[in-house]
Amino acid sequence: MKKLITFILSPLIFTPMLHANENFSVEIEALRLVMEQYKKDNESNIQLDVKNKQPSYLALKQDECNATVKVTEKTGLEVVNTESFDVNICKKEIYKVIN
């Protein structure tokens, strides 16, 4: 009986998880592109005065090809730097937004 209940309920539980990647594919691809670019830029721009800078990323979908990614660098509780990028994943282009 337990196997039958498990067999019936398992598709209902795991099906939404399988579609999560499809729903957030624009944000995931935009984050991946920005993280790769940001890592390349920071490796060549090493600053010795600020240690342990940890970037955090936030992606917001605009349409099927475009997203905005915000990168915030923190050292502990102090926000050191915030940058925004417009990303077109169809063309694989990243534009830095100047505030």
PDB file of N, CA and C in Angstrom:
ATOM      1  N   MET A   1       0.815  -1.195   0.000  1.00  0.00           N
ATOM      2  CA  MET A   1       0.000   0.000   0.000  1.00  0.00           C
ATOM      3  C   MET A   1       0.863   1.265   0.000  1.00  0.00           C
ATOM      4  N   LYS A   2       1.946   1.251   0.815  1.00  0.00           N
ATOM      5  CA  LYS A   2       2.832   2.415   0.875  1.00  0.00           C
ATOM      6  C   LYS A   2       3.508   2.647  -0.471  1.00  0.00           C
ATOM      7  N   LYS A   3       3.870   1.567  -1.159  1.00  0.00           N
ATOM      8  CA  LYS A   3       4.509   1.698  -2.464  1.00  0.00           C
ATOM      9  C   LYS A   3       3.545   2.291  -3.482  1.00  0.00           C
ATOM     10  N   LEU A   4       2.278   1.914  -3.398  1.00  0.00           N
ATOM     11  CA  LEU A   4       1.282   2.447  -4.307  1.00  0.00           C
ATOM     12  C   LEU A   4       1.076   3.941  -4.087  1.00  0.00           C
ATOM     13  N   ILE A   5       0.999   4.366  -2.846  1.00  0.00           N
ATOM     14  CA  ILE A   5       0.837   5.788  -2.532  1.00  0.00           C
ATOM     15  C   ILE A   5       2.070   6.575  -2.980  1.00  0.00           C
ATOM     16  N   THR A   6       3.246   6.033  -2.734  1.00  0.00           N
ATOM     17  CA  THR A   6       4.481   6.679  -3.172  1.00  0.00           C
ATOM     18  C   THR A   6       4.533   6.780  -4.685  1.00  0.00           C
ATOM     19  N   PHE A   7       4.108   5.732  -5.365  1.00  0.00           N
ATOM     20  CA  PHE A   7       4.105   5.717  -6.829  1.00  0.00           C
ATOM     21  C   PHE A   7       3.163   6.778  -7.389  1.00  0.00           C
ATOM     22  N   ILE A   8       2.031   6.975  -6.746  1.00  0.00           N
ATOM     23  CA  ILE A   8       1.050   7.956  -7.209  1.00  0.00           C
ATOM     24  C   ILE A   8       1.491   9.385  -6.891  1.00  0.00           C
ATOM     25  N   LEU A   9       2.055   9.620  -5.719  1.00  0.00           N
ATOM     26  CA  LEU A   9       2.413  10.976  -5.291  1.00  0.00           C
ATOM     27  C   LEU A   9       3.741  11.477  -5.840  1.00  0.00           C
ATOM     28  N   SER A  10       4.664  10.607  -6.172  1.00  0.00           N
ATOM     29  CA  SER A  10       5.993  11.057  -6.598  1.00  0.00           C
ATOM     30  C   SER A  10       5.968  11.935  -7.848  1.00  0.00           C
ATOM     31  N   PRO A  11       5.178  11.647  -8.885  1.00  0.00           N
ATOM     32  CA  PRO A  11       5.147  12.570 -10.033  1.00  0.00           C
ATOM     33  C   PRO A  11       4.585  13.939  -9.667  1.00  0.00           C
ATOM     34  N   LEU A  12       3.644  13.968  -8.746  1.00  0.00           N
ATOM     35  CA  LEU A  12       3.062  15.244  -8.343  1.00  0.00           C
ATOM     36  C   LEU A  12       4.060  16.108  -7.584  1.00  0.00           C
ATOM     37  N   ILE A  13       4.958  15.476  -6.870  1.00  0.00           N
ATOM     38  CA  ILE A  13       5.944  16.213  -6.086  1.00  0.00           C
ATOM     39  C   ILE A  13       7.105  16.677  -6.946  1.00  0.00           C
ATOM     40  N   PHE A  14       7.616  15.837  -7.838  1.00  0.00           N
ATOM     41  CA  PHE A  14       8.831  16.135  -8.575  1.00  0.00           C
ATOM     42  C   PHE A  14       8.614  16.852  -9.905  1.00  0.00           C
ATOM     43  N   THR A  15       7.418  16.853 -10.451  1.00  0.00           N
ATOM     44  CA  THR A  15       7.161  17.511 -11.730  1.00  0.00           C
ATOM     45  C   THR A  15       7.412  19.017 -11.682  1.00  0.00           C
ATOM     46  N   PRO A  16       6.968  19.761 -10.662  1.00  0.00           N
ATOM     47  CA  PRO A  16       7.273  21.200 -10.636  1.00  0.00           C
ATOM     48  C   PRO A  16       8.775  21.491 -10.592  1.00  0.00           C
ATOM     49  N   MET A  17       9.550  20.627  -9.983  1.00  0.00           N
ATOM     50  CA  MET A  17      10.995  20.841  -9.910  1.00  0.00           C
ATOM     51  C   MET A  17      11.649  20.677 -11.268  1.00  0.00           C
ATOM     52  N   LEU A  18      11.101  19.833 -12.118  1.00  0.00           N
ATOM     53  CA  LEU A  18      11.674  19.625 -13.439  1.00  0.00           C
ATOM     54  C   LEU A  18      11.467  20.822 -14.345  1.00  0.00           C
ATOM     55  N   HIS A  19      10.409  21.584 -14.122  1.00  0.00           N
ATOM     56  CA  HIS A  19      10.107  22.741 -14.958  1.00  0.00           C
ATOM     57  C   HIS A  19      10.716  24.035 -14.436  1.00  0.00           C
ATOM     58  N   ALA A  20      11.349  24.020 -13.297  1.00  0.00           N
ATOM     59  CA  ALA A  20      11.919  25.238 -12.721  1.00  0.00           C
ATOM     60  C   ALA A  20      13.001  25.808 -13.614  1.00  0.00           C
ATOM     61  N   ASN A  21      13.839  24.965 -14.179  1.00  0.00           N
ATOM     62  CA  ASN A  21      14.922  25.434 -15.030  1.00  0.00           C
ATOM     63  C   ASN A  21      14.373  26.102 -16.287  1.00  0.00           C
ATOM     64  N   GLU A  22      13.272  25.599 -16.849  1.00  0.00           N
ATOM     65  CA  GLU A  22      12.668  26.212 -18.025  1.00  0.00           C
ATOM     66  C   GLU A  22      12.084  27.579 -17.695  1.00  0.00           C
ATOM     67  N   ASN A  23      11.491  27.737 -16.537  1.00  0.00           N
ATOM     68  CA  ASN A  23      10.878  28.999 -16.145  1.00  0.00           C
ATOM     69  C   ASN A  23      11.912  30.086 -15.895  1.00  0.00           C
ATOM     70  N   PHE A  24      13.082  29.715 -15.420  1.00  0.00           N
ATOM     71  CA  PHE A  24      14.109  30.689 -15.066  1.00  0.00           C
ATOM     72  C   PHE A  24      15.312  30.642 -15.997  1.00  0.00           C
ATOM     73  N   SER A  25      15.145  30.145 -17.211  1.00  0.00           N
ATOM     74  CA  SER A  25      16.285  29.965 -18.104  1.00  0.00           C
ATOM     75  C   SER A  25      16.927  31.295 -18.508  1.00  0.00           C
ATOM     76  N   VAL A  26      16.130  32.352 -18.677  1.00  0.00           N
ATOM     77  CA  VAL A  26      16.685  33.655 -19.046  1.00  0.00           C
ATOM     78  C   VAL A  26      17.551  34.196 -17.915  1.00  0.00           C
ATOM     79  N   GLU A  27      17.045  34.105 -16.675  1.00  0.00           N
ATOM     80  CA  GLU A  27      17.812  34.597 -15.539  1.00  0.00           C
ATOM     81  C   GLU A  27      19.085  33.788 -15.325  1.00  0.00           C
ATOM     82  N   ILE A  28      18.990  32.474 -15.463  1.00  0.00           N
ATOM     83  CA  ILE A  28      20.148  31.606 -15.256  1.00  0.00           C
ATOM     84  C   ILE A  28      21.232  31.902 -16.282  1.00  0.00           C
ATOM     85  N   GLU A  29      20.853  32.029 -17.546  1.00  0.00           N
ATOM     86  CA  GLU A  29      21.837  32.307 -18.596  1.00  0.00           C
ATOM     87  C   GLU A  29      22.440  33.701 -18.420  1.00  0.00           C
ATOM     88  N   ALA A  30      21.627  34.688 -18.039  1.00  0.00           N
ATOM     89  CA  ALA A  30      22.144  36.043 -17.816  1.00  0.00           C
ATOM     90  C   ALA A  30      23.129  36.048 -16.654  1.00  0.00           C
ATOM     91  N   LEU A  31      22.803  35.349 -15.575  1.00  0.00           N
ATOM     92  CA  LEU A  31      23.729  35.261 -14.441  1.00  0.00           C
ATOM     93  C   LEU A  31      25.031  34.587 -14.839  1.00  0.00           C
ATOM     94  N   ARG A  32      24.933  33.520 -15.614  1.00  0.00           N
ATOM     95  CA  ARG A  32      26.137  32.803 -16.045  1.00  0.00           C
ATOM     96  C   ARG A  32      27.051  33.708 -16.868  1.00  0.00           C
ATOM     97  N   LEU A  33      26.475  34.454 -17.810  1.00  0.00           N
ATOM     98  CA  LEU A  33      27.271  35.352 -18.649  1.00  0.00           C
ATOM     99  C   LEU A  33      27.940  36.448 -17.820  1.00  0.00           C
ATOM    100  N   VAL A  34      27.177  37.063 -16.908  1.00  0.00           N
ATOM    101  CA  VAL A  34      27.735  38.140 -16.094  1.00  0.00           C
ATOM    102  C   VAL A  34      28.791  37.610 -15.134  1.00  0.00           C
ATOM    103  N   MET A  35      28.570  36.451 -14.542  1.00  0.00           N
ATOM    104  CA  MET A  35      29.554  35.888 -13.613  1.00  0.00           C
ATOM    105  C   MET A  35      30.871  35.597 -14.310  1.00  0.00           C
ATOM    106  N   GLU A  36      30.796  35.056 -15.530  1.00  0.00           N
ATOM    107  CA  GLU A  36      32.029  34.798 -16.282  1.00  0.00           C
ATOM    108  C   GLU A  36      32.770  36.093 -16.587  1.00  0.00           C
ATOM    109  N   GLN A  37      32.046  37.111 -17.058  1.00  0.00           N
ATOM    110  CA  GLN A  37      32.658  38.397 -17.391  1.00  0.00           C
ATOM    111  C   GLN A  37      33.197  39.078 -16.146  1.00  0.00           C
ATOM    112  N   TYR A  38      32.438  39.051 -15.066  1.00  0.00           N
ATOM    113  CA  TYR A  38      32.829  39.712 -13.824  1.00  0.00           C
ATOM    114  C   TYR A  38      34.070  39.063 -13.236  1.00  0.00           C
ATOM    115  N   LYS A  39      34.158  37.746 -13.332  1.00  0.00           N
ATOM    116  CA  LYS A  39      35.327  37.035 -12.822  1.00  0.00           C
ATOM    117  C   LYS A  39      36.573  37.410 -13.617  1.00  0.00           C
ATOM    118  N   LYS A  40      36.453  37.498 -14.938  1.00  0.00           N
ATOM    119  CA  LYS A  40      37.594  37.890 -15.785  1.00  0.00           C
ATOM    120  C   LYS A  40      38.063  39.301 -15.445  1.00  0.00           C
ATOM    121  N   ASP A  41      37.106  40.226 -15.277  1.00  0.00           N
ATOM    122  CA  ASP A  41      37.449  41.614 -14.977  1.00  0.00           C
ATOM    123  C   ASP A  41      38.120  41.754 -13.621  1.00  0.00           C
ATOM    124  N   ASN A  42      37.659  41.022 -12.621  1.00  0.00           N
ATOM    125  CA  ASN A  42      38.211  41.143 -11.276  1.00  0.00           C
ATOM    126  C   ASN A  42      39.557  40.460 -11.130  1.00  0.00           C
ATOM    127  N   GLU A  43      39.830  39.423 -11.905  1.00  0.00           N
ATOM    128  CA  GLU A  43      41.138  38.777 -11.831  1.00  0.00           C
ATOM    129  C   GLU A  43      42.233  39.712 -12.320  1.00  0.00           C
ATOM    130  N   SER A  44      41.934  40.517 -13.325  1.00  0.00           N
ATOM    131  CA  SER A  44      42.930  41.451 -13.843  1.00  0.00           C
ATOM    132  C   SER A  44      42.975  42.740 -13.044  1.00  0.00           C
ATOM    133  N   ASN A  45      42.019  42.957 -12.142  1.00  0.00           N
ATOM    134  CA  ASN A  45      41.886  44.209 -11.403  1.00  0.00           C
ATOM    135  C   ASN A  45      41.968  43.950  -9.898  1.00  0.00           C
ATOM    136  N   ILE A  46      42.972  43.207  -9.461  1.00  0.00           N
ATOM    137  CA  ILE A  46      43.075  42.819  -8.055  1.00  0.00           C
ATOM    138  C   ILE A  46      43.452  44.031  -7.211  1.00  0.00           C
ATOM    139  N   GLN A  47      42.668  44.254  -6.155  1.00  0.00           N
ATOM    140  CA  GLN A  47      42.950  45.341  -5.231  1.00  0.00           C
ATOM    141  C   GLN A  47      43.377  44.735  -3.907  1.00  0.00           C
ATOM    142  N   LEU A  48      44.506  45.196  -3.382  1.00  0.00           N
ATOM    143  CA  LEU A  48      45.041  44.618  -2.164  1.00  0.00           C
ATOM    144  C   LEU A  48      44.466  45.245  -0.903  1.00  0.00           C
ATOM    145  N   ASP A  49      43.863  46.434  -1.009  1.00  0.00           N
ATOM    146  CA  ASP A  49      43.385  47.115   0.190  1.00  0.00           C
ATOM    147  C   ASP A  49      42.076  46.535   0.728  1.00  0.00           C
ATOM    148  N   VAL A  50      41.265  45.957  -0.100  1.00  0.00           N
ATOM    149  CA  VAL A  50      39.996  45.379   0.343  1.00  0.00           C
ATOM    150  C   VAL A  50      40.072  43.865   0.162  1.00  0.00           C
ATOM    151  N   LYS A  51      40.038  43.147   1.275  1.00  0.00           N
ATOM    152  CA  LYS A  51      40.115  41.695   1.216  1.00  0.00           C
ATOM    153  C   LYS A  51      38.734  41.103   1.411  1.00  0.00           C
ATOM    154  N   ASN A  52      38.566  39.904   0.918  1.00  0.00           N
ATOM    155  CA  ASN A  52      37.334  39.136   1.104  1.00  0.00           C
ATOM    156  C   ASN A  52      36.101  39.821   0.525  1.00  0.00           C
ATOM    157  N   LYS A  53      36.230  40.445  -0.647  1.00  0.00           N
ATOM    158  CA  LYS A  53      35.056  41.000  -1.307  1.00  0.00           C
ATOM    159  C   LYS A  53      34.233  39.843  -1.853  1.00  0.00           C
ATOM    160  N   GLN A  54      32.975  39.798  -1.473  1.00  0.00           N
ATOM    161  CA  GLN A  54      32.083  38.730  -1.915  1.00  0.00           C
ATOM    162  C   GLN A  54      30.964  39.330  -2.769  1.00  0.00           C
ATOM    163  N   PRO A  55      30.911  39.001  -4.072  1.00  0.00           N
ATOM    164  CA  PRO A  55      29.820  39.526  -4.883  1.00  0.00           C
ATOM    165  C   PRO A  55      28.544  38.714  -4.689  1.00  0.00           C
ATOM    166  N   SER A  56      27.414  39.401  -4.732  1.00  0.00           N
ATOM    167  CA  SER A  56      26.120  38.725  -4.758  1.00  0.00           C
ATOM    168  C   SER A  56      25.392  39.198  -6.010  1.00  0.00           C
ATOM    169  N   TYR A  57      24.649  38.307  -6.627  1.00  0.00           N
ATOM    170  CA  TYR A  57      24.032  38.559  -7.920  1.00  0.00           C
ATOM    171  C   TYR A  57      22.512  38.474  -7.810  1.00  0.00           C
ATOM    172  N   LEU A  58      21.824  39.338  -8.571  1.00  0.00           N
ATOM    173  CA  LEU A  58      20.373  39.331  -8.642  1.00  0.00           C
ATOM    174  C   LEU A  58      19.980  39.537 -10.098  1.00  0.00           C
ATOM    175  N   ALA A  59      19.182  38.621 -10.650  1.00  0.00           N
ATOM    176  CA  ALA A  59      18.744  38.727 -12.041  1.00  0.00           C
ATOM    177  C   ALA A  59      17.246  38.961 -12.098  1.00  0.00           C
ATOM    178  N   LEU A  60      16.839  39.878 -12.967  1.00  0.00           N
ATOM    179  CA  LEU A  60      15.430  40.187 -13.173  1.00  0.00           C
ATOM    180  C   LEU A  60      15.120  40.060 -14.664  1.00  0.00           C
ATOM    181  N   LYS A  61      14.187  39.171 -14.995  1.00  0.00           N
ATOM    182  CA  LYS A  61      13.826  38.923 -16.387  1.00  0.00           C
ATOM    183  C   LYS A  61      13.001  40.085 -16.937  1.00  0.00           C
ATOM    184  N   GLN A  62      13.337  40.540 -18.154  1.00  0.00           N
ATOM    185  CA  GLN A  62      12.564  41.579 -18.823  1.00  0.00           C
ATOM    186  C   GLN A  62      11.677  40.969 -19.903  1.00  0.00           C
ATOM    187  N   ASP A  63      12.260  40.102 -20.740  1.00  0.00           N
ATOM    188  CA  ASP A  63      11.501  39.366 -21.748  1.00  0.00           C
ATOM    189  C   ASP A  63      12.242  38.072 -22.055  1.00  0.00           C
ATOM    190  N   GLU A  64      11.949  37.443 -23.173  1.00  0.00           N
ATOM    191  CA  GLU A  64      12.535  36.130 -23.471  1.00  0.00           C
ATOM    192  C   GLU A  64      14.029  36.186 -23.784  1.00  0.00           C
ATOM    193  N   CYS A  65      14.561  37.356 -24.112  1.00  0.00           N
ATOM    194  CA  CYS A  65      15.979  37.483 -24.432  1.00  0.00           C
ATOM    195  C   CYS A  65      16.739  38.399 -23.482  1.00  0.00           C
ATOM    196  N   ASN A  66      16.069  39.249 -22.747  1.00  0.00           N
ATOM    197  CA  ASN A  66      16.733  40.280 -21.958  1.00  0.00           C
ATOM    198  C   ASN A  66      16.485  40.123 -20.462  1.00  0.00           C
ATOM    199  N   ALA A  67      17.531  40.486 -19.708  1.00  0.00           N
ATOM    200  CA  ALA A  67      17.448  40.480 -18.248  1.00  0.00           C
ATOM    201  C   ALA A  67      18.371  41.560 -17.714  1.00  0.00           C
ATOM    202  N   THR A  68      18.087  42.004 -16.507  1.00  0.00           N
ATOM    203  CA  THR A  68      18.958  42.940 -15.808  1.00  0.00           C
ATOM    204  C   THR A  68      19.602  42.191 -14.655  1.00  0.00           C
ATOM    205  N   VAL A  69      20.926  42.332 -14.532  1.00  0.00           N
ATOM    206  CA  VAL A  69      21.663  41.668 -13.456  1.00  0.00           C
ATOM    207  C   VAL A  69      22.322  42.738 -12.613  1.00  0.00           C
ATOM    208  N   LYS A  70      22.104  42.671 -11.294  1.00  0.00           N
ATOM    209  CA  LYS A  70      22.744  43.594 -10.359  1.00  0.00           C
ATOM    210  C   LYS A  70      23.780  42.825  -9.558  1.00  0.00           C
ATOM    211  N   VAL A  71      24.995  43.382  -9.487  1.00  0.00           N
ATOM    212  CA  VAL A  71      26.086  42.764  -8.743  1.00  0.00           C
ATOM    213  C   VAL A  71      26.446  43.697  -7.596  1.00  0.00           C
ATOM    214  N   THR A  72      26.415  43.173  -6.385  1.00  0.00           N
ATOM    215  CA  THR A  72      26.750  43.947  -5.191  1.00  0.00           C
ATOM    216  C   THR A  72      27.929  43.276  -4.515  1.00  0.00           C
ATOM    217  N   GLU A  73      29.005  44.028  -4.325  1.00  0.00           N
ATOM    218  CA  GLU A  73      30.174  43.511  -3.614  1.00  0.00           C
ATOM    219  C   GLU A  73      30.105  43.946  -2.164  1.00  0.00           C
ATOM    220  N   LYS A  74      30.327  42.997  -1.269  1.00  0.00           N
ATOM    221  CA  LYS A  74      30.275  43.289   0.164  1.00  0.00           C
ATOM    222  C   LYS A  74      31.519  42.751   0.847  1.00  0.00           C
ATOM    223  N   THR A  75      31.931  43.437   1.897  1.00  0.00           N
ATOM    224  CA  THR A  75      32.946  42.927   2.809  1.00  0.00           C
ATOM    225  C   THR A  75      32.270  42.883   4.172  1.00  0.00           C
ATOM    226  N   GLY A  76      31.785  41.714   4.524  1.00  0.00           N
ATOM    227  CA  GLY A  76      31.014  41.607   5.760  1.00  0.00           C
ATOM    228  C   GLY A  76      29.674  42.271   5.576  1.00  0.00           C
ATOM    229  N   LEU A  77      29.389  43.310   6.347  1.00  0.00           N
ATOM    230  CA  LEU A  77      28.128  44.029   6.239  1.00  0.00           C
ATOM    231  C   LEU A  77      28.237  45.294   5.396  1.00  0.00           C
ATOM    232  N   GLU A  78      29.437  45.686   5.050  1.00  0.00           N
ATOM    233  CA  GLU A  78      29.662  46.923   4.301  1.00  0.00           C
ATOM    234  C   GLU A  78      29.545  46.671   2.799  1.00  0.00           C
ATOM    235  N   VAL A  79      28.712  47.461   2.115  1.00  0.00           N
ATOM    236  CA  VAL A  79      28.579  47.380   0.664  1.00  0.00           C
ATOM    237  C   VAL A  79      29.693  48.216   0.048  1.00  0.00           C
ATOM    238  N   VAL A  80      30.552  47.568  -0.744  1.00  0.00           N
ATOM    239  CA  VAL A  80      31.697  48.234  -1.342  1.00  0.00           C
ATOM    240  C   VAL A  80      31.356  48.803  -2.709  1.00  0.00           C
ATOM    241  N   ASN A  81      30.617  48.029  -3.522  1.00  0.00           N
ATOM    242  CA  ASN A  81      30.377  48.425  -4.901  1.00  0.00           C
ATOM    243  C   ASN A  81      29.076  47.791  -5.392  1.00  0.00           C
ATOM    244  N   THR A  82      28.328  48.526  -6.218  1.00  0.00           N
ATOM    245  CA  THR A  82      27.126  47.986  -6.855  1.00  0.00           C
ATOM    246  C   THR A  82      27.160  48.357  -8.329  1.00  0.00           C
ATOM    247  N   GLU A  83      26.955  47.357  -9.180  1.00  0.00           N
ATOM    248  CA  GLU A  83      26.929  47.573 -10.624  1.00  0.00           C
ATOM    249  C   GLU A  83      25.711  46.880 -11.213  1.00  0.00           C
ATOM    250  N   SER A  84      25.187  47.443 -12.302  1.00  0.00           N
ATOM    251  CA  SER A  84      24.052  46.848 -13.000  1.00  0.00           C
ATOM    252  C   SER A  84      24.438  46.577 -14.447  1.00  0.00           C
ATOM    253  N   PHE A  85      23.890  45.497 -14.985  1.00  0.00           N
ATOM    254  CA  PHE A  85      24.176  45.100 -16.356  1.00  0.00           C
ATOM    255  C   PHE A  85      22.870  44.743 -17.051  1.00  0.00           C
ATOM    256  N   ASP A  86      22.720  45.182 -18.302  1.00  0.00           N
ATOM    257  CA  ASP A  86      21.644  44.708 -19.158  1.00  0.00           C
ATOM    258  C   ASP A  86      22.228  43.602 -20.017  1.00  0.00           C
ATOM    259  N   VAL A  87      21.576  42.445 -20.016  1.00  0.00           N
ATOM    260  CA  VAL A  87      22.113  41.276 -20.700  1.00  0.00           C
ATOM    261  C   VAL A  87      21.100  40.811 -21.745  1.00  0.00           C
ATOM    262  N   ASN A  88      21.582  40.613 -22.962  1.00  0.00           N
ATOM    263  CA  ASN A  88      20.795  40.019 -24.024  1.00  0.00           C
ATOM    264  C   ASN A  88      21.345  38.618 -24.242  1.00  0.00           C
ATOM    265  N   ILE A  89      20.614  37.601 -23.794  1.00  0.00           N
ATOM    266  CA  ILE A  89      21.137  36.239 -23.884  1.00  0.00           C
ATOM    267  C   ILE A  89      21.035  35.677 -25.292  1.00  0.00           C
ATOM    268  N   CYS A  90      20.140  36.209 -26.125  1.00  0.00           N
ATOM    269  CA  CYS A  90      20.022  35.733 -27.500  1.00  0.00           C
ATOM    270  C   CYS A  90      21.253  36.110 -28.313  1.00  0.00           C
ATOM    271  N   LYS A  91      21.766  37.310 -28.080  1.00  0.00           N
ATOM    272  CA  LYS A  91      22.969  37.778 -28.771  1.00  0.00           C
ATOM    273  C   LYS A  91      24.230  37.580 -27.942  1.00  0.00           C
ATOM    274  N   LYS A  92      24.061  37.151 -26.676  1.00  0.00           N
ATOM    275  CA  LYS A  92      25.158  36.968 -25.721  1.00  0.00           C
ATOM    276  C   LYS A  92      25.950  38.272 -25.545  1.00  0.00           C
ATOM    277  N   GLU A  93      25.215  39.361 -25.328  1.00  0.00           N
ATOM    278  CA  GLU A  93      25.810  40.684 -25.138  1.00  0.00           C
ATOM    279  C   GLU A  93      25.517  41.189 -23.726  1.00  0.00           C
ATOM    280  N   ILE A  94      26.522  41.860 -23.149  1.00  0.00           N
ATOM    281  CA  ILE A  94      26.399  42.432 -21.815  1.00  0.00           C
ATOM    282  C   ILE A  94      26.697  43.926 -21.910  1.00  0.00           C
ATOM    283  N   TYR A  95      25.765  44.742 -21.410  1.00  0.00           N
ATOM    284  CA  TYR A  95      25.950  46.180 -21.391  1.00  0.00           C
ATOM    285  C   TYR A  95      25.941  46.654 -19.957  1.00  0.00           C
ATOM    286  N   LYS A  96      26.966  47.401 -19.568  1.00  0.00           N
ATOM    287  CA  LYS A  96      27.011  47.949 -18.215  1.00  0.00           C
ATOM    288  C   LYS A  96      26.129  49.186 -18.146  1.00  0.00           C
ATOM    289  N   VAL A  97      25.276  49.242 -17.128  1.00  0.00           N
ATOM    290  CA  VAL A  97      24.397  50.385 -16.917  1.00  0.00           C
ATOM    291  C   VAL A  97      25.130  51.399 -16.063  1.00  0.00           C
ATOM    292  N   ILE A  98      25.232  52.614 -16.561  1.00  0.00           N
ATOM    293  CA  ILE A  98      25.909  53.692 -15.843  1.00  0.00           C
ATOM    294  C   ILE A  98      24.856  54.501 -15.109  1.00  0.00           C
ATOM    295  N   ASN A  99      25.009  54.575 -13.795  1.00  0.00           N
ATOM    296  CA  ASN A  99      24.026  55.314 -12.984  1.00  0.00           C
ATOM    297  C   ASN A  99      24.387  56.760 -12.879  1.00  0.00           C
TER     298      ASN A  99
END
